[in-house]
PDB file of N, CA and C in Angstrom:
ATOM      1  N   MET A   1      72.379 120.168 119.087  1.00  0.00           N
ATOM      2  CA  MET A   1      71.026 119.173 120.246  1.00  0.00           C
ATOM      3  C   MET A   1      71.371 118.327 120.591  1.00  0.00           C
ATOM      4  N   ALA A   2      71.188 117.096 121.648  1.00  0.00           N
ATOM      5  CA  ALA A   2      71.078 115.971 121.490  1.00  0.00           C
ATOM      6  C   ALA A   2      70.109 115.050 121.337  1.00  0.00           C
ATOM      7  N   LYS A   3      70.083 114.251 120.711  1.00  0.00           N
ATOM      8  CA  LYS A   3      68.494 113.832 120.481  1.00  0.00           C
ATOM      9  C   LYS A   3      68.410 112.476 120.820  1.00  0.00           C
ATOM     10  N   VAL A   4      66.805 112.651 121.545  1.00  0.00           N
ATOM     11  CA  VAL A   4      66.430 111.703 122.456  1.00  0.00           C
ATOM     12  C   VAL A   4      66.205 110.579 122.221  1.00  0.00           C
ATOM     13  N   TYR A   5      65.898 109.363 122.795  1.00  0.00           N
ATOM     14  CA  TYR A   5      64.522 108.553 121.928  1.00  0.00           C
ATOM     15  C   TYR A   5      64.415 107.438 122.824  1.00  0.00           C
ATOM     16  N   PHE A   6      63.651 107.308 122.902  1.00  0.00           N
ATOM     17  CA  PHE A   6      62.869 106.293 123.877  1.00  0.00           C
ATOM     18  C   PHE A   6      62.049 104.560 123.318  1.00  0.00           C
ATOM     19  N   THR A   7      62.593 103.541 123.949  1.00  0.00           N
ATOM     20  CA  THR A   7      62.041 102.469 123.590  1.00  0.00           C
ATOM     21  C   THR A   7      60.596 102.442 123.097  1.00  0.00           C
ATOM     22  N   ALA A   8      60.168 101.510 122.467  1.00  0.00           N
ATOM     23  CA  ALA A   8      58.165 101.133 122.310  1.00  0.00           C
ATOM     24  C   ALA A   8      58.433 101.118 124.321  1.00  0.00           C
ATOM     25  N   HIS A   9      58.982 100.482 124.769  1.00  0.00           N
ATOM     26  CA  HIS A   9      58.245  99.746 126.260  1.00  0.00           C
ATOM     27  C   HIS A   9      57.634 100.964 126.668  1.00  0.00           C
ATOM     28  N   LEU A  10      58.454 101.917 126.647  1.00  0.00           N
ATOM     29  CA  LEU A  10      58.353 103.768 127.231  1.00  0.00           C
ATOM     30  C   LEU A  10      57.022 104.409 126.587  1.00  0.00           C
ATOM     31  N   ARG A  11      56.387 103.959 125.489  1.00  0.00           N
ATOM     32  CA  ARG A  11      55.753 104.757 124.759  1.00  0.00           C
ATOM     33  C   ARG A  11      54.769 105.110 125.630  1.00  0.00           C
ATOM     34  N   SER A  12      53.892 104.757 126.128  1.00  0.00           N
ATOM     35  CA  SER A  12      52.567 104.680 126.871  1.00  0.00           C
ATOM     36  C   SER A  12      53.417 106.352 127.656  1.00  0.00           C
ATOM     37  N   VAL A  13      54.695 106.365 128.027  1.00  0.00           N
ATOM     38  CA  VAL A  13      54.367 107.988 128.447  1.00  0.00           C
ATOM     39  C   VAL A  13      55.806 108.812 128.187  1.00  0.00           C
ATOM     40  N   ALA A  14      56.101 108.049 126.840  1.00  0.00           N
ATOM     41  CA  ALA A  14      57.163 108.582 126.503  1.00  0.00           C
ATOM     42  C   ALA A  14      56.845 109.341 125.235  1.00  0.00           C
ATOM     43  N   PRO A  15      57.777 110.131 124.766  1.00  0.00           N
ATOM     44  CA  PRO A  15      57.029 111.075 123.107  1.00  0.00           C
ATOM     45  C   PRO A  15      57.637 109.803 121.849  1.00  0.00           C
ATOM     46  N   ASP A  16      56.834 109.649 120.545  1.00  0.00           N
ATOM     47  CA  ASP A  16      57.173 108.873 119.567  1.00  0.00           C
ATOM     48  C   ASP A  16      57.966 109.804 119.099  1.00  0.00           C
ATOM     49  N   GLY A  17      58.658 108.764 118.693  1.00  0.00           N
ATOM     50  CA  GLY A  17      60.395 109.950 117.690  1.00  0.00           C
ATOM     51  C   GLY A  17      60.767 110.107 119.079  1.00  0.00           C
ATOM     52  N   ALA A  18      62.210 110.871 118.020  1.00  0.00           N
ATOM     53  CA  ALA A  18      62.999 111.889 118.775  1.00  0.00           C
ATOM     54  C   ALA A  18      62.514 113.045 119.258  1.00  0.00           C
ATOM     55  N   VAL A  19      63.327 113.339 120.389  1.00  0.00           N
ATOM     56  CA  VAL A  19      63.380 114.416 121.448  1.00  0.00           C
ATOM     57  C   VAL A  19      64.068 115.458 120.987  1.00  0.00           C
ATOM     58  N   ASP A  20      64.509 116.466 121.023  1.00  0.00           N
ATOM     59  CA  ASP A  20      65.919 117.185 120.893  1.00  0.00           C
ATOM     60  C   ASP A  20      65.882 118.297 122.031  1.00  0.00           C
ATOM     61  N   ALA A  21      66.871 118.095 122.892  1.00  0.00           N
ATOM     62  CA  ALA A  21      67.330 118.634 123.916  1.00  0.00           C
ATOM     63  C   ALA A  21      68.738 119.305 124.328  1.00  0.00           C
ATOM     64  N   PRO A  22      69.078 120.162 124.830  1.00  0.00           N
ATOM     65  CA  PRO A  22      69.963 120.607 124.866  1.00  0.00           C
ATOM     66  C   PRO A  22      70.487 120.030 126.554  1.00  0.00           C
ATOM     67  N   GLY A  23      72.227 120.141 126.623  1.00  0.00           N
ATOM     68  CA  GLY A  23      72.389 119.353 127.924  1.00  0.00           C
ATOM     69  C   GLY A  23      74.101 119.248 127.012  1.00  0.00           C
ATOM     70  N   ALA A  24      74.766 119.524 128.267  1.00  0.00           N
ATOM     71  CA  ALA A  24      76.413 118.801 127.875  1.00  0.00           C
ATOM     72  C   ALA A  24      76.503 116.903 128.732  1.00  0.00           C
ATOM     73  N   THR A  25      75.484 117.246 129.627  1.00  0.00           N
ATOM     74  CA  THR A  25      75.263 115.893 129.942  1.00  0.00           C
ATOM     75  C   THR A  25      73.907 114.416 129.768  1.00  0.00           C
ATOM     76  N   VAL A  26      74.050 113.354 130.017  1.00  0.00           N
ATOM     77  CA  VAL A  26      72.973 112.676 129.770  1.00  0.00           C
ATOM     78  C   VAL A  26      71.669 112.951 130.677  1.00  0.00           C
ATOM     79  N   GLY A  27      72.066 113.297 132.003  1.00  0.00           N
ATOM     80  CA  GLY A  27      71.339 114.283 133.191  1.00  0.00           C
ATOM     81  C   GLY A  27      70.775 115.857 132.720  1.00  0.00           C
ATOM     82  N   ALA A  28      71.498 116.396 132.448  1.00  0.00           N
ATOM     83  CA  ALA A  28      70.992 117.655 131.840  1.00  0.00           C
ATOM     84  C   ALA A  28      69.935 117.660 130.689  1.00  0.00           C
ATOM     85  N   VAL A  29      70.631 116.897 129.694  1.00  0.00           N
ATOM     86  CA  VAL A  29      69.134 116.423 127.977  1.00  0.00           C
ATOM     87  C   VAL A  29      68.114 116.241 129.345  1.00  0.00           C
ATOM     88  N   LEU A  30      68.113 114.801 130.045  1.00  0.00           N
ATOM     89  CA  LEU A  30      67.257 114.374 130.600  1.00  0.00           C
ATOM     90  C   LEU A  30      65.763 115.292 131.234  1.00  0.00           C
ATOM     91  N   LYS A  31      66.677 116.615 132.296  1.00  0.00           N
ATOM     92  CA  LYS A  31      66.297 117.375 133.002  1.00  0.00           C
ATOM     93  C   LYS A  31      65.909 118.052 132.216  1.00  0.00           C
ATOM     94  N   ASP A  32      65.637 118.665 131.103  1.00  0.00           N
ATOM     95  CA  ASP A  32      65.002 119.024 129.882  1.00  0.00           C
ATOM     96  C   ASP A  32      63.303 117.976 129.310  1.00  0.00           C
ATOM     97  N   VAL A  33      63.699 116.983 129.295  1.00  0.00           N
ATOM     98  CA  VAL A  33      63.350 116.089 128.336  1.00  0.00           C
ATOM     99  C   VAL A  33      61.784 115.689 129.313  1.00  0.00           C
ATOM    100  N   PHE A  34      62.620 116.006 131.122  1.00  0.00           N
ATOM    101  CA  PHE A  34      61.401 115.396 132.097  1.00  0.00           C
ATOM    102  C   PHE A  34      60.662 116.749 132.247  1.00  0.00           C
ATOM    103  N   ALA A  35      61.161 118.268 131.894  1.00  0.00           N
ATOM    104  CA  ALA A  35      60.208 119.082 132.474  1.00  0.00           C
ATOM    105  C   ALA A  35      59.230 119.276 131.387  1.00  0.00           C
ATOM    106  N   ARG A  36      59.432 118.330 129.844  1.00  0.00           N
ATOM    107  CA  ARG A  36      58.243 118.595 129.008  1.00  0.00           C
ATOM    108  C   ARG A  36      57.466 117.284 129.088  1.00  0.00           C
ATOM    109  N   TYR A  37      57.788 116.410 129.553  1.00  0.00           N
ATOM    110  CA  TYR A  37      57.501 114.998 129.632  1.00  0.00           C
ATOM    111  C   TYR A  37      57.396 114.279 131.432  1.00  0.00           C
ATOM    112  N   PRO A  38      56.962 114.998 132.129  1.00  0.00           N
ATOM    113  CA  PRO A  38      57.132 114.703 133.619  1.00  0.00           C
ATOM    114  C   PRO A  38      56.358 113.319 134.134  1.00  0.00           C
ATOM    115  N   THR A  39      56.064 112.674 133.710  1.00  0.00           N
ATOM    116  CA  THR A  39      55.428 111.444 133.815  1.00  0.00           C
ATOM    117  C   THR A  39      56.660 110.533 133.423  1.00  0.00           C
ATOM    118  N   LEU A  40      57.219 111.101 132.721  1.00  0.00           N
ATOM    119  CA  LEU A  40      58.186 109.929 132.482  1.00  0.00           C
ATOM    120  C   LEU A  40      59.971 110.059 133.106  1.00  0.00           C
ATOM    121  N   LYS A  41      59.972 110.952 133.968  1.00  0.00           N
ATOM    122  CA  LYS A  41      60.518 110.599 135.139  1.00  0.00           C
ATOM    123  C   LYS A  41      60.804 109.496 135.718  1.00  0.00           C
ATOM    124  N   GLY A  42      59.426 109.233 136.688  1.00  0.00           N
ATOM    125  CA  GLY A  42      59.379 108.461 137.588  1.00  0.00           C
ATOM    126  C   GLY A  42      59.420 106.760 136.937  1.00  0.00           C
ATOM    127  N   TYR A  43      59.603 107.014 135.312  1.00  0.00           N
ATOM    128  CA  TYR A  43      59.806 105.593 134.775  1.00  0.00           C
ATOM    129  C   TYR A  43      61.647 105.021 134.263  1.00  0.00           C
ATOM    130  N   VAL A  44      62.196 106.413 134.337  1.00  0.00           N
ATOM    131  CA  VAL A  44      63.439 106.534 134.235  1.00  0.00           C
ATOM    132  C   VAL A  44      64.651 106.428 135.203  1.00  0.00           C
ATOM    133  N   LEU A  45      64.012 107.215 136.215  1.00  0.00           N
ATOM    134  CA  LEU A  45      64.676 107.332 137.900  1.00  0.00           C
ATOM    135  C   LEU A  45      63.906 107.107 138.573  1.00  0.00           C
ATOM    136  N   ASP A  46      65.217 107.031 139.783  1.00  0.00           N
ATOM    137  CA  ASP A  46      63.907 106.925 141.205  1.00  0.00           C
ATOM    138  C   ASP A  46      64.298 107.492 142.113  1.00  0.00           C
ATOM    139  N   ASP A  47      63.487 107.090 143.447  1.00  0.00           N
ATOM    140  CA  ASP A  47      63.544 108.445 144.102  1.00  0.00           C
ATOM    141  C   ASP A  47      64.630 108.773 144.836  1.00  0.00           C
ATOM    142  N   GLN A  48      65.737 108.350 144.509  1.00  0.00           N
ATOM    143  CA  GLN A  48      67.132 108.990 144.487  1.00  0.00           C
ATOM    144  C   GLN A  48      67.471 109.479 143.469  1.00  0.00           C
ATOM    145  N   GLU A  49      66.882 109.756 142.720  1.00  0.00           N
ATOM    146  CA  GLU A  49      67.104 110.516 141.325  1.00  0.00           C
ATOM    147  C   GLU A  49      68.645 109.736 140.845  1.00  0.00           C
ATOM    148  N   ARG A  50      68.380 108.182 141.056  1.00  0.00           N
ATOM    149  CA  ARG A  50      69.379 107.764 140.150  1.00  0.00           C
ATOM    150  C   ARG A  50      68.487 106.846 139.040  1.00  0.00           C
ATOM    151  N   VAL A  51      69.098 106.742 137.729  1.00  0.00           N
ATOM    152  CA  VAL A  51      68.630 105.782 136.457  1.00  0.00           C
ATOM    153  C   VAL A  51      67.939 104.434 137.425  1.00  0.00           C
ATOM    154  N   ARG A  52      67.040 104.081 137.354  1.00  0.00           N
ATOM    155  CA  ARG A  52      66.600 102.619 137.687  1.00  0.00           C
ATOM    156  C   ARG A  52      67.439 101.768 136.750  1.00  0.00           C
ATOM    157  N   LEU A  53      67.367 100.535 138.148  1.00  0.00           N
ATOM    158  CA  LEU A  53      67.949  99.458 137.240  1.00  0.00           C
ATOM    159  C   LEU A  53      67.488  99.200 136.356  1.00  0.00           C
ATOM    160  N   HIS A  54      66.170  99.366 135.797  1.00  0.00           N
ATOM    161  CA  HIS A  54      65.968  98.395 134.874  1.00  0.00           C
ATOM    162  C   HIS A  54      65.828  99.279 133.467  1.00  0.00           C
ATOM    163  N   ILE A  55      66.861 100.154 133.129  1.00  0.00           N
ATOM    164  CA  ILE A  55      66.600 101.091 132.376  1.00  0.00           C
ATOM    165  C   ILE A  55      68.371 100.942 132.011  1.00  0.00           C
ATOM    166  N   ALA A  56      68.300 101.170 130.724  1.00  0.00           N
ATOM    167  CA  ALA A  56      69.914 100.876 130.141  1.00  0.00           C
ATOM    168  C   ALA A  56      70.008 101.825 129.053  1.00  0.00           C
ATOM    169  N   VAL A  57      71.050 102.909 129.012  1.00  0.00           N
ATOM    170  CA  VAL A  57      71.520 103.864 128.602  1.00  0.00           C
ATOM    171  C   VAL A  57      71.880 103.548 127.542  1.00  0.00           C
ATOM    172  N   PHE A  58      72.081 104.177 126.210  1.00  0.00           N
ATOM    173  CA  PHE A  58      73.149 104.034 125.164  1.00  0.00           C
ATOM    174  C   PHE A  58      73.290 105.508 124.314  1.00  0.00           C
ATOM    175  N   VAL A  59      74.696 106.029 124.375  1.00  0.00           N
ATOM    176  CA  VAL A  59      75.212 107.161 123.930  1.00  0.00           C
ATOM    177  C   VAL A  59      75.807 106.690 122.700  1.00  0.00           C
ATOM    178  N   ASP A  60      75.646 107.221 121.298  1.00  0.00           N
ATOM    179  CA  ASP A  60      76.171 107.517 120.547  1.00  0.00           C
ATOM    180  C   ASP A  60      76.236 105.547 120.277  1.00  0.00           C
ATOM    181  N   GLY A  61      75.344 104.962 120.586  1.00  0.00           N
ATOM    182  CA  GLY A  61      76.022 102.938 119.892  1.00  0.00           C
ATOM    183  C   GLY A  61      76.403 102.630 121.317  1.00  0.00           C
ATOM    184  N   LEU A  62      76.916 103.396 122.219  1.00  0.00           N
ATOM    185  CA  LEU A  62      78.091 102.858 123.203  1.00  0.00           C
ATOM    186  C   LEU A  62      76.459 103.081 124.637  1.00  0.00           C
ATOM    187  N   HIS A  63      76.789 100.994 125.193  1.00  0.00           N
ATOM    188  CA  HIS A  63      76.437 101.169 126.221  1.00  0.00           C
ATOM    189  C   HIS A  63      76.303 101.571 127.840  1.00  0.00           C
ATOM    190  N   VAL A  64      76.070 102.526 128.339  1.00  0.00           N
ATOM    191  CA  VAL A  64      76.709 103.691 129.166  1.00  0.00           C
ATOM    192  C   VAL A  64      75.980 102.479 130.747  1.00  0.00           C
ATOM    193  N   ARG A  65      77.607 102.399 131.254  1.00  0.00           N
ATOM    194  CA  ARG A  65      76.810 101.696 132.576  1.00  0.00           C
ATOM    195  C   ARG A  65      77.149 102.238 133.885  1.00  0.00           C
ATOM    196  N   LYS A  66      78.173 102.793 134.103  1.00  0.00           N
ATOM    197  CA  LYS A  66      78.770 104.008 135.105  1.00  0.00           C
ATOM    198  C   LYS A  66      78.128 105.349 135.174  1.00  0.00           C
ATOM    199  N   ASN A  67      77.810 105.799 135.929  1.00  0.00           N
ATOM    200  CA  ASN A  67      77.923 107.297 136.147  1.00  0.00           C
ATOM    201  C   ASN A  67      76.961 107.807 134.673  1.00  0.00           C
ATOM    202  N   MET A  68      75.572 106.994 134.650  1.00  0.00           N
ATOM    203  CA  MET A  68      75.125 107.264 133.726  1.00  0.00           C
ATOM    204  C   MET A  68      74.499 109.016 133.139  1.00  0.00           C
ATOM    205  N   LEU A  69      74.404 109.172 134.566  1.00  0.00           N
ATOM    206  CA  LEU A  69      73.601 111.200 134.220  1.00  0.00           C
ATOM    207  C   LEU A  69      74.783 111.892 134.129  1.00  0.00           C
ATOM    208  N   ASP A  70      76.240 111.423 134.714  1.00  0.00           N
ATOM    209  CA  ASP A  70      77.299 112.210 134.619  1.00  0.00           C
ATOM    210  C   ASP A  70      78.089 112.269 133.006  1.00  0.00           C
ATOM    211  N   HIS A  71      77.799 111.422 132.254  1.00  0.00           N
ATOM    212  CA  HIS A  71      78.258 110.756 130.923  1.00  0.00           C
ATOM    213  C   HIS A  71      78.079 111.480 129.742  1.00  0.00           C
ATOM    214  N   PRO A  72      79.314 112.264 129.137  1.00  0.00           N
ATOM    215  CA  PRO A  72      79.355 113.812 128.553  1.00  0.00           C
ATOM    216  C   PRO A  72      78.736 114.055 127.238  1.00  0.00           C
ATOM    217  N   LEU A  73      78.046 114.691 126.526  1.00  0.00           N
ATOM    218  CA  LEU A  73      77.551 114.525 124.778  1.00  0.00           C
ATOM    219  C   LEU A  73      78.045 115.013 124.683  1.00  0.00           C
ATOM    220  N   GLN A  74      78.126 114.850 123.009  1.00  0.00           N
ATOM    221  CA  GLN A  74      78.179 116.160 121.876  1.00  0.00           C
ATOM    222  C   GLN A  74      77.201 116.275 121.154  1.00  0.00           C
ATOM    223  N   THR A  75      77.905 117.625 121.192  1.00  0.00           N
ATOM    224  CA  THR A  75      77.037 118.337 120.488  1.00  0.00           C
ATOM    225  C   THR A  75      75.041 117.810 119.391  1.00  0.00           C
ATOM    226  N   ASP A  76      75.755 116.956 118.637  1.00  0.00           N
ATOM    227  CA  ASP A  76      74.972 115.641 117.958  1.00  0.00           C
ATOM    228  C   ASP A  76      74.524 114.768 118.635  1.00  0.00           C
ATOM    229  N   SER A  77      74.715 114.490 120.090  1.00  0.00           N
ATOM    230  CA  SER A  77      74.771 112.927 120.082  1.00  0.00           C
ATOM    231  C   SER A  77      73.633 112.380 120.038  1.00  0.00           C
ATOM    232  N   GLU A  78      73.526 111.239 120.365  1.00  0.00           N
ATOM    233  CA  GLU A  78      71.777 110.417 120.538  1.00  0.00           C
ATOM    234  C   GLU A  78      72.329 109.780 120.788  1.00  0.00           C
ATOM    235  N   VAL A  79      70.947 109.569 122.245  1.00  0.00           N
ATOM    236  CA  VAL A  79      70.613 109.479 123.471  1.00  0.00           C
ATOM    237  C   VAL A  79      69.673 107.977 122.910  1.00  0.00           C
ATOM    238  N   TYR A  80      69.912 106.694 123.490  1.00  0.00           N
ATOM    239  CA  TYR A  80      68.910 105.779 123.807  1.00  0.00           C
ATOM    240  C   TYR A  80      68.717 105.228 125.069  1.00  0.00           C
ATOM    241  N   ILE A  81      67.216 105.565 125.252  1.00  0.00           N
ATOM    242  CA  ILE A  81      66.793 105.271 126.745  1.00  0.00           C
ATOM    243  C   ILE A  81      65.475 103.990 126.756  1.00  0.00           C
ATOM    244  N   MET A  82      66.173 102.677 127.244  1.00  0.00           N
ATOM    245  CA  MET A  82      65.155 101.509 126.926  1.00  0.00           C
ATOM    246  C   MET A  82      65.695 100.762 128.030  1.00  0.00           C
ATOM    247  N   GLN A  83      64.127  99.817 128.078  1.00  0.00           N
ATOM    248  CA  GLN A  83      63.161  99.150 128.928  1.00  0.00           C
ATOM    249  C   GLN A  83      64.898  98.417 129.431  1.00  0.00           C
ATOM    250  N   ALA A  84      65.191  97.703 130.104  1.00  0.00           N
ATOM    251  CA  ALA A  84      66.302  96.837 129.837  1.00  0.00           C
ATOM    252  C   ALA A  84      65.067  95.577 130.058  1.00  0.00           C
ATOM    253  N   LEU A  85      65.632  94.366 129.308  1.00  0.00           N
ATOM    254  CA  LEU A  85      64.547  93.086 129.520  1.00  0.00           C
ATOM    255  C   LEU A  85      65.341  92.366 129.977  1.00  0.00           C
ATOM    256  N   SER A  86      65.501  91.511 130.170  1.00  0.00           N
ATOM    257  CA  SER A  86      65.818  90.166 131.209  1.00  0.00           C
ATOM    258  C   SER A  86      65.228  88.448 131.271  1.00  0.00           C
ATOM    259  N   GLY A  87      66.450  88.044 131.192  1.00  0.00           N
ATOM    260  CA  GLY A  87      64.870  86.318 131.246  1.00  0.00           C
ATOM    261  C   GLY A  87      65.968  85.221 130.253  1.00  0.00           C
ATOM    262  N   GLY A  88      65.642  84.258 130.444  1.00  0.00           N
ATOM    263  CA  GLY A  88      66.157  83.134 129.557  1.00  0.00           C
ATOM    264  C   GLY A  88      66.053  82.964 127.909  1.00  0.00           C
ATOM    265  N   GLY A  89      67.059  82.256 127.806  1.00  0.00           N
ATOM    266  CA  GLY A  89      66.639  81.837 126.369  1.00  0.00           C
ATOM    267  C   GLY A  89      65.996  80.734 126.393  1.00  0.00           C
ATOM    268  N   GLU A  90      66.528  79.839 125.074  1.00  0.00           N
ATOM    269  CA  GLU A  90      65.280  78.620 124.995  1.00  0.00           C
ATOM    270  C   GLU A  90      66.590  77.373 125.658  1.00  0.00           C
ATOM    271  N   GLY A  91      65.925  76.474 126.269  1.00  0.00           N
ATOM    272  CA  GLY A  91      66.376  75.650 126.710  1.00  0.00           C
ATOM    273  C   GLY A  91      67.490  76.031 128.143  1.00  0.00           C
ATOM    274  N   ASP A  92      66.465  77.153 128.724  1.00  0.00           N
ATOM    275  CA  ASP A  92      66.925  77.774 129.983  1.00  0.00           C
ATOM    276  C   ASP A  92      65.942  77.479 130.756  1.00  0.00           C
ATOM    277  N   HIS A  93      65.225  76.768 131.386  1.00  0.00           N
ATOM    278  CA  HIS A  93      64.060  76.393 131.934  1.00  0.00           C
ATOM    279  C   HIS A  93      64.371  75.852 133.381  1.00  0.00           C
ATOM    280  N   GLY A  94      65.021  75.749 133.794  1.00  0.00           N
ATOM    281  CA  GLY A  94      65.436  75.472 135.287  1.00  0.00           C
ATOM    282  C   GLY A  94      66.634  74.513 135.824  1.00  0.00           C
TER     283      GLY A  94
END
């Protein structure tokens, strides 16, 4: 089973720590997680069932940028769902 982790920014609706979930793709694993934590789905997916723009998905250390939900998993994959943060660095004030 894959292990799914959620960033601290999602902890108000996500479980604390890893969630074990079966599935061959990111989408299948998330479907299982959303069945147990239904409020989480609206924070991760939009109304078209696509990963929201402000969410980043990492699988086994790789930032998945395209076809995130179809990305294949190994039985021991680690999936990290993070709220992407944006903004400027120092000296980026205008």
